[in-house]
Amino acid sequence: MASDHSSLYGKRRDKTSKSQDLPSSSTLAFTSQLSSLISQNSNSSAQGRQRPSKNPKSDIFGKQNKGTEKRAAADLEDDDHHVSKQVHQRSQDIGGIDDATLGRSKRRMEQKVRQYEDMKKGLYLAGNSSDEDDTPGGTKEDYLSRLRRKEKEGLVDFDRKWANEERKREDASNDSEDEDDDNASIISYEDELGRHRRGTRAEAAQAVRAKEEEERGQSMQERWRPNRPENLIYGEAVQAEAFNPDANIASHMANLAARRDRSATPPDQRHYDAEAEVRNRGTGFYAFSRDETERKKQMEELKHAREETQRQRDRLSARAAEHQATLDDRRRQVQELRSKRLAARFLGGFTDTEATST
Protein backbone atom coordinates (compact mmCIF):
# COMPACT_ATOMS: atom_id res chain seq x y z
CA MET A 1 0.00 0.00 0.00
CA ALA A 2 1.46 3.26 -1.06
CA SER A 3 1.82 5.70 1.76
CA ASP A 4 0.15 9.03 1.13
CA HIS A 5 0.30 11.51 3.95
CA SER A 6 -1.84 14.08 2.17
CA SER A 7 -5.09 12.27 3.03
CA LEU A 8 -6.18 9.89 5.71
CA TYR A 9 -7.82 7.34 3.37
CA GLY A 10 -5.31 7.47 0.54
CA LYS A 11 -7.22 9.88 -1.61
CA ARG A 12 -5.01 12.48 -3.18
CA ARG A 13 -5.92 15.97 -2.13
CA ASP A 14 -6.60 18.51 -4.81
CA LYS A 15 -3.87 21.14 -4.93
CA THR A 16 -6.26 23.83 -6.13
CA SER A 17 -8.79 23.15 -3.42
CA LYS A 18 -9.32 25.96 -1.01
CA SER A 19 -9.39 25.57 2.72
CA GLN A 20 -12.79 25.32 4.34
CA ASP A 21 -14.08 28.17 6.35
CA LEU A 22 -13.68 27.83 10.05
CA PRO A 23 -15.83 29.61 12.51
CA SER A 24 -12.85 31.13 14.39
CA SER A 25 -11.48 34.37 12.97
CA SER A 26 -7.92 33.73 14.26
CA THR A 27 -7.86 30.26 12.75
CA LEU A 28 -9.13 31.65 9.47
CA ALA A 29 -6.38 34.25 9.37
CA PHE A 30 -3.71 31.65 10.16
CA THR A 31 -5.01 29.33 7.46
CA SER A 32 -5.01 32.04 4.82
CA GLN A 33 -1.47 33.04 5.72
CA LEU A 34 -0.27 29.45 5.59
CA SER A 35 -1.91 28.78 2.23
CA SER A 36 -0.34 31.87 0.71
CA LEU A 37 3.12 30.78 1.88
CA ILE A 38 2.63 27.26 0.49
CA SER A 39 1.52 28.64 -2.87
CA GLN A 40 4.56 30.92 -3.04
CA ASN A 41 6.91 28.01 -2.32
CA SER A 42 5.27 25.82 -4.97
CA ASN A 43 5.43 28.58 -7.57
CA SER A 44 9.09 29.30 -6.82
CA SER A 45 10.00 25.59 -7.10
CA ALA A 46 8.21 25.27 -10.42
CA GLN A 47 9.85 28.32 -11.90
CA GLY A 48 13.40 28.29 -13.24
CA ARG A 49 16.43 30.31 -12.28
CA GLN A 50 15.58 33.58 -10.62
CA ARG A 51 16.68 36.60 -12.56
CA PRO A 52 18.27 39.54 -10.85
CA SER A 53 15.99 42.43 -10.14
CA LYS A 54 16.35 45.63 -12.08
CA ASN A 55 15.97 47.68 -8.93
CA PRO A 56 17.94 45.82 -6.26
CA LYS A 57 17.23 46.56 -2.67
CA SER A 58 19.74 48.49 -0.61
CA ASP A 59 22.27 46.42 1.34
CA ILE A 60 23.61 47.47 4.73
CA PHE A 61 27.15 46.53 3.63
CA GLY A 62 26.98 48.31 0.28
CA LYS A 63 25.35 51.49 1.52
CA GLN A 64 27.72 54.26 2.61
CA ASN A 65 27.28 56.54 5.56
CA LYS A 66 25.80 59.97 5.13
CA GLY A 67 28.32 62.71 4.36
CA THR A 68 31.21 60.34 3.52
CA GLU A 69 31.55 61.50 -0.06
CA LYS A 70 31.46 65.17 0.92
CA ARG A 71 34.19 64.74 3.53
CA ALA A 72 36.39 62.84 1.06
CA ALA A 73 36.00 65.63 -1.51
CA ALA A 74 36.89 68.26 1.10
CA ASP A 75 40.05 66.33 2.05
CA LEU A 76 41.13 66.20 -1.58
CA GLU A 77 40.63 69.96 -1.93
CA ASP A 78 42.76 70.62 1.18
CA ASP A 79 45.54 68.43 -0.22
CA ASP A 80 45.46 70.36 -3.48
CA HIS A 81 45.85 73.65 -1.60
CA HIS A 82 48.83 72.41 0.46
CA VAL A 83 50.72 70.90 -2.49
CA SER A 84 52.79 73.50 -4.29
CA LYS A 85 52.48 73.27 -8.02
CA GLN A 86 55.71 73.61 -9.98
CA VAL A 87 55.33 75.98 -12.90
CA HIS A 88 58.04 76.04 -15.54
CA GLN A 89 58.66 79.44 -17.08
CA ARG A 90 60.67 80.31 -20.13
CA SER A 91 63.17 83.07 -20.59
CA GLN A 92 60.63 84.99 -22.65
CA ASP A 93 58.27 84.97 -19.65
CA ILE A 94 60.94 85.98 -17.15
CA GLY A 95 62.57 88.62 -19.24
CA GLY A 96 66.23 89.09 -20.14
CA ILE A 97 68.99 91.46 -18.97
CA ASP A 98 71.30 93.59 -20.99
CA ASP A 99 74.96 92.77 -21.62
CA ALA A 100 76.24 95.68 -19.51
CA THR A 101 74.48 94.47 -16.39
CA LEU A 102 75.71 90.91 -16.97
CA GLY A 103 79.30 92.07 -17.47
CA ARG A 104 79.18 94.24 -14.35
CA SER A 105 77.92 91.28 -12.29
CA LYS A 106 80.69 89.04 -13.61
CA ARG A 107 83.38 91.61 -12.82
CA ARG A 108 81.96 92.04 -9.31
CA MET A 109 82.05 88.30 -8.71
CA GLU A 110 85.61 88.03 -10.01
CA GLN A 111 86.63 90.88 -7.71
CA LYS A 112 85.12 89.12 -4.71
CA VAL A 113 86.88 85.88 -5.61
CA ARG A 114 90.21 87.70 -5.90
CA GLN A 115 89.70 89.43 -2.56
CA TYR A 116 88.90 86.14 -0.89
CA GLU A 117 92.03 84.52 -2.32
CA ASP A 118 94.18 87.46 -1.20
CA MET A 119 92.70 87.31 2.29
CA LYS A 120 93.47 83.60 2.44
CA LYS A 121 97.06 84.33 1.44
CA GLY A 122 97.32 87.01 4.14
CA LEU A 123 97.92 89.87 1.76
CA TYR A 124 96.18 92.30 4.11
CA LEU A 125 99.10 91.87 6.53
CA ALA A 126 101.65 93.18 4.02
CA GLY A 127 102.90 96.70 4.56
CA ASN A 128 104.32 97.90 1.26
CA SER A 129 104.61 96.19 -2.06
CA SER A 130 105.95 97.26 -5.41
CA ASP A 131 103.43 95.13 -7.26
CA GLU A 132 100.90 97.61 -8.59
CA ASP A 133 99.46 95.32 -11.20
CA ASP A 134 97.47 93.30 -8.70
CA THR A 135 95.28 96.21 -7.66
CA PRO A 136 91.86 95.95 -9.30
CA GLY A 137 91.33 99.66 -8.92
CA GLY A 138 93.08 102.57 -7.18
CA THR A 139 96.38 102.35 -5.37
CA LYS A 140 97.83 99.36 -3.53
CA GLU A 141 97.29 100.98 -0.14
CA ASP A 142 93.62 101.53 -0.86
CA TYR A 143 93.24 97.90 -1.85
CA LEU A 144 95.05 96.71 1.28
CA SER A 145 92.94 98.97 3.45
CA ARG A 146 89.81 97.52 1.91
CA LEU A 147 91.13 94.02 2.59
CA ARG A 148 91.85 94.92 6.22
CA ARG A 149 88.37 96.35 6.61
CA LYS A 150 86.85 93.23 5.04
CA GLU A 151 88.90 91.03 7.36
CA LYS A 152 87.70 92.92 10.44
CA GLU A 153 84.08 92.92 9.36
CA GLY A 154 84.13 89.35 8.07
CA LEU A 155 83.08 86.26 10.01
CA VAL A 156 85.97 84.06 8.85
CA ASP A 157 89.20 84.01 10.89
CA PHE A 158 91.76 83.59 8.13
CA ASP A 159 94.71 83.50 10.53
CA ARG A 160 93.31 80.53 12.42
CA LYS A 161 92.27 78.88 9.20
CA TRP A 162 95.76 79.28 7.77
CA ALA A 163 97.34 77.95 11.00
CA ASN A 164 95.06 74.91 10.99
CA GLU A 165 95.87 74.15 7.38
CA GLU A 166 99.60 74.44 8.05
CA ARG A 167 99.30 72.17 11.10
CA LYS A 168 97.36 69.58 9.10
CA ARG A 169 99.94 69.75 6.33
CA GLU A 170 102.80 69.25 8.81
CA ASP A 171 101.01 66.37 10.53
CA ALA A 172 100.36 64.69 7.21
CA SER A 173 104.02 65.08 6.23
CA ASN A 174 105.19 63.71 9.60
CA ASP A 175 102.83 60.76 9.36
CA SER A 176 104.04 59.98 5.87
CA GLU A 177 107.67 60.19 7.05
CA ASP A 178 106.96 57.92 10.03
CA GLU A 179 105.15 55.49 7.78
CA ASP A 180 108.06 55.52 5.37
CA ASP A 181 110.46 54.89 8.26
CA ASP A 182 108.27 52.06 9.56
CA ASN A 183 108.13 50.46 6.15
CA ALA A 184 111.84 50.99 5.56
CA SER A 185 113.16 49.42 8.82
CA ILE A 186 112.92 45.62 9.22
CA ILE A 187 112.63 44.26 12.76
CA SER A 188 111.86 40.88 14.37
CA TYR A 189 108.63 40.45 16.31
CA GLU A 190 106.34 37.76 17.70
CA ASP A 191 102.90 37.36 16.16
CA GLU A 192 99.64 36.35 17.86
CA LEU A 193 100.44 32.64 17.35
CA GLY A 194 103.80 32.85 19.15
CA ARG A 195 105.91 32.65 15.99
CA HIS A 196 109.01 34.79 15.49
CA ARG A 197 108.65 36.80 12.30
CA ARG A 198 110.58 39.55 10.53
CA GLY A 199 108.83 42.54 9.01
CA THR A 200 108.25 46.25 9.16
CA ARG A 201 107.32 48.24 12.24
CA ALA A 202 103.76 48.63 10.96
CA GLU A 203 103.39 44.86 10.67
CA ALA A 204 104.84 44.45 14.17
CA ALA A 205 102.37 46.99 15.58
CA GLN A 206 99.51 45.21 13.83
CA ALA A 207 100.63 41.87 15.32
CA VAL A 208 100.81 43.45 18.79
CA ARG A 209 97.26 44.80 18.42
CA ALA A 210 95.98 41.40 17.28
CA LYS A 211 97.69 39.73 20.25
CA GLU A 212 96.18 42.25 22.69
CA GLU A 213 92.71 41.71 21.22
CA GLU A 214 93.09 37.94 21.58
CA GLU A 215 94.25 38.26 25.20
CA ARG A 216 91.36 40.62 25.92
CA GLY A 217 88.91 38.08 24.51
CA GLN A 218 90.45 35.28 26.59
CA SER A 219 90.28 37.42 29.72
CA MET A 220 86.61 38.10 29.05
CA GLN A 221 85.94 34.36 28.72
CA GLU A 222 87.91 33.56 31.90
CA ARG A 223 86.03 36.25 33.80
CA TRP A 224 82.71 34.49 33.19
CA ARG A 225 84.25 31.08 33.98
CA PRO A 226 84.24 30.06 37.69
CA ASN A 227 87.63 30.01 39.39
CA ARG A 228 89.32 26.68 40.08
CA PRO A 229 89.68 25.90 43.81
CA GLU A 230 93.28 26.26 44.96
CA ASN A 231 93.14 24.00 48.04
CA LEU A 232 92.35 20.73 46.24
CA ILE A 233 94.59 17.66 46.65
CA TYR A 234 95.04 15.46 43.57
CA GLY A 235 96.31 11.90 43.94
CA GLU A 236 98.30 10.53 46.85
CA ALA A 237 99.83 13.24 49.01
CA VAL A 238 101.25 13.44 52.51
CA GLN A 239 99.76 16.32 54.46
CA ALA A 240 102.92 17.58 56.10
CA GLU A 241 101.19 20.66 57.46
CA ALA A 242 99.97 18.63 60.44
CA PHE A 243 103.62 17.97 61.41
CA ASN A 244 104.92 21.39 60.38
CA PRO A 245 102.28 23.90 61.52
CA ASP A 246 102.67 27.57 60.78
CA ALA A 247 103.41 30.23 63.38
CA ASN A 248 99.78 30.97 64.28
CA ILE A 249 98.86 27.33 64.86
CA ALA A 250 102.09 26.69 66.80
CA SER A 251 101.45 29.64 69.12
CA HIS A 252 97.85 28.51 69.67
CA MET A 253 98.99 24.97 70.53
CA ALA A 254 101.62 26.34 72.91
CA ASN A 255 98.98 28.45 74.65
CA LEU A 256 96.74 25.42 75.11
CA ALA A 257 99.64 23.36 76.48
CA ALA A 258 100.51 26.10 78.98
CA ARG A 259 96.95 26.26 80.24
CA ARG A 260 96.71 22.48 80.65
CA ASP A 261 96.93 21.00 84.22
CA ARG A 262 99.97 18.73 84.38
CA SER A 263 99.24 17.23 87.85
CA ALA A 264 98.87 13.42 87.98
CA THR A 265 95.17 12.96 88.52
CA PRO A 266 93.81 9.40 88.40
CA PRO A 267 90.82 8.97 86.16
CA ASP A 268 87.41 8.30 87.61
CA GLN A 269 86.38 4.68 88.05
CA ARG A 270 83.69 4.41 85.46
CA HIS A 271 82.35 1.03 84.44
CA TYR A 272 79.70 -0.23 82.14
CA ASP A 273 76.18 -0.09 83.57
CA ALA A 274 74.58 -3.44 82.76
CA GLU A 275 71.12 -2.21 83.71
CA ALA A 276 71.16 0.73 81.28
CA GLU A 277 70.56 -1.53 78.26
CA VAL A 278 68.85 -4.85 77.72
CA ARG A 279 71.73 -7.20 76.94
CA ASN A 280 71.01 -10.13 79.21
CA ARG A 281 70.30 -12.31 76.17
CA GLY A 282 73.72 -11.70 74.61
CA THR A 283 76.37 -14.40 74.33
CA GLY A 284 78.82 -14.36 77.25
CA PHE A 285 76.92 -11.63 79.06
CA TYR A 286 77.77 -11.13 82.72
CA ALA A 287 76.14 -8.42 84.80
CA PHE A 288 78.83 -7.04 87.07
CA SER A 289 77.85 -5.31 90.26
CA ARG A 290 78.15 -1.57 90.57
CA ASP A 291 79.79 -1.98 93.99
CA GLU A 292 83.54 -1.87 93.59
CA THR A 293 84.24 -4.56 96.23
CA GLU A 294 81.64 -6.92 94.87
CA ARG A 295 82.87 -6.22 91.37
CA LYS A 296 86.44 -7.17 92.30
CA LYS A 297 85.18 -10.38 93.90
CA GLN A 298 83.27 -11.27 90.76
CA MET A 299 86.33 -10.55 88.66
CA GLU A 300 88.46 -12.84 90.85
CA GLU A 301 85.91 -15.61 90.57
CA LEU A 302 85.88 -15.26 86.82
CA LYS A 303 89.65 -15.34 86.78
CA HIS A 304 89.78 -18.56 88.86
CA ALA A 305 87.12 -20.12 86.65
CA ARG A 306 89.16 -19.26 83.57
CA GLU A 307 92.32 -20.73 85.07
CA GLU A 308 90.47 -23.93 86.00
CA THR A 309 89.02 -24.12 82.53
CA GLN A 310 92.47 -23.64 81.02
CA ARG A 311 93.95 -26.43 83.20
CA GLN A 312 91.14 -28.78 82.33
CA ARG A 313 91.61 -27.94 78.65
CA ASP A 314 95.35 -28.63 78.88
CA ARG A 315 94.73 -31.95 80.63
CA LEU A 316 92.25 -33.05 78.01
CA SER A 317 94.55 -32.01 75.20
CA ALA A 318 97.45 -33.99 76.79
CA ARG A 319 95.26 -37.05 77.13
CA ALA A 320 94.13 -36.74 73.54
CA ALA A 321 97.75 -36.43 72.41
CA GLU A 322 98.73 -39.54 74.39
CA HIS A 323 95.83 -41.49 72.89
CA GLN A 324 96.79 -40.35 69.43
CA ALA A 325 100.39 -41.46 70.02
CA THR A 326 99.18 -44.90 71.13
CA LEU A 327 97.07 -45.21 67.99
CA ASP A 328 99.97 -44.22 65.83
CA ASP A 329 102.22 -46.84 67.52
CA ARG A 330 99.69 -49.57 66.98
CA ARG A 331 99.17 -48.51 63.38
CA ARG A 332 102.94 -48.69 62.84
CA GLN A 333 103.16 -52.16 64.35
CA VAL A 334 100.31 -53.43 62.21
CA GLN A 335 101.98 -52.00 59.13
CA GLU A 336 105.25 -53.75 59.99
CA LEU A 337 103.52 -57.11 60.47
CA ARG A 338 101.70 -56.68 57.17
CA SER A 339 104.95 -55.93 55.40
CA LYS A 340 106.66 -58.97 56.87
CA ARG A 341 103.76 -61.18 55.88
CA LEU A 342 103.79 -59.93 52.33
CA ALA A 343 107.54 -60.44 52.14
CA ALA A 344 107.26 -63.97 53.49
CA ARG A 345 104.48 -64.75 51.03
CA PHE A 346 106.53 -63.43 48.19
CA LEU A 347 109.64 -65.34 49.23
CA GLY A 348 107.63 -68.52 49.85
CA GLY A 349 106.28 -68.45 46.37
CA PHE A 350 109.74 -67.94 44.97
CA THR A 351 111.13 -71.02 46.88
CA ASP A 352 108.23 -73.15 45.64
CA THR A 353 109.06 -72.21 42.08
CA GLU A 354 112.72 -73.24 42.47
CA ALA A 355 111.75 -76.58 44.05
CA THR A 356 109.46 -77.48 41.19
CA SER A 357 112.04 -76.50 38.65
CA THR A 358 114.68 -78.77 40.23
Foldseek 3Di string as FASTA:
>chain_A
DDDDPCDDVPDDDDLPDDDDDDPDPVVVVVRVVVNVVVVVVVVVVPDDDDDDDPDDDDDPVPDDDPPPVVVVVVVVVVVVVPDDDDDDDDCVVVDDDDPVVVVVVVVVVVVVVLLVVCVLVVVLVDDDDPDQPPDPDDGPVVVSVVSVVCCVPDPDPSVVVNVVVVVVVVVVVVVVVVVVQQQVDKDWAAALVRDIDIGGNVVRVVRVVVNVVVVVVVVVVVVPPDDDDDPDDPDDDDPCCVVVPDPVVVVVVVVVVVPDDPDDDDDDDDDDQPVVDPCPPPPPDDGADPDPVSNVVVVVVVVVVVVVVVVVVVVVVVVVVVVVVVVVVVVVVVVVVVVVVVVVVVVVVVVVVVVVVD
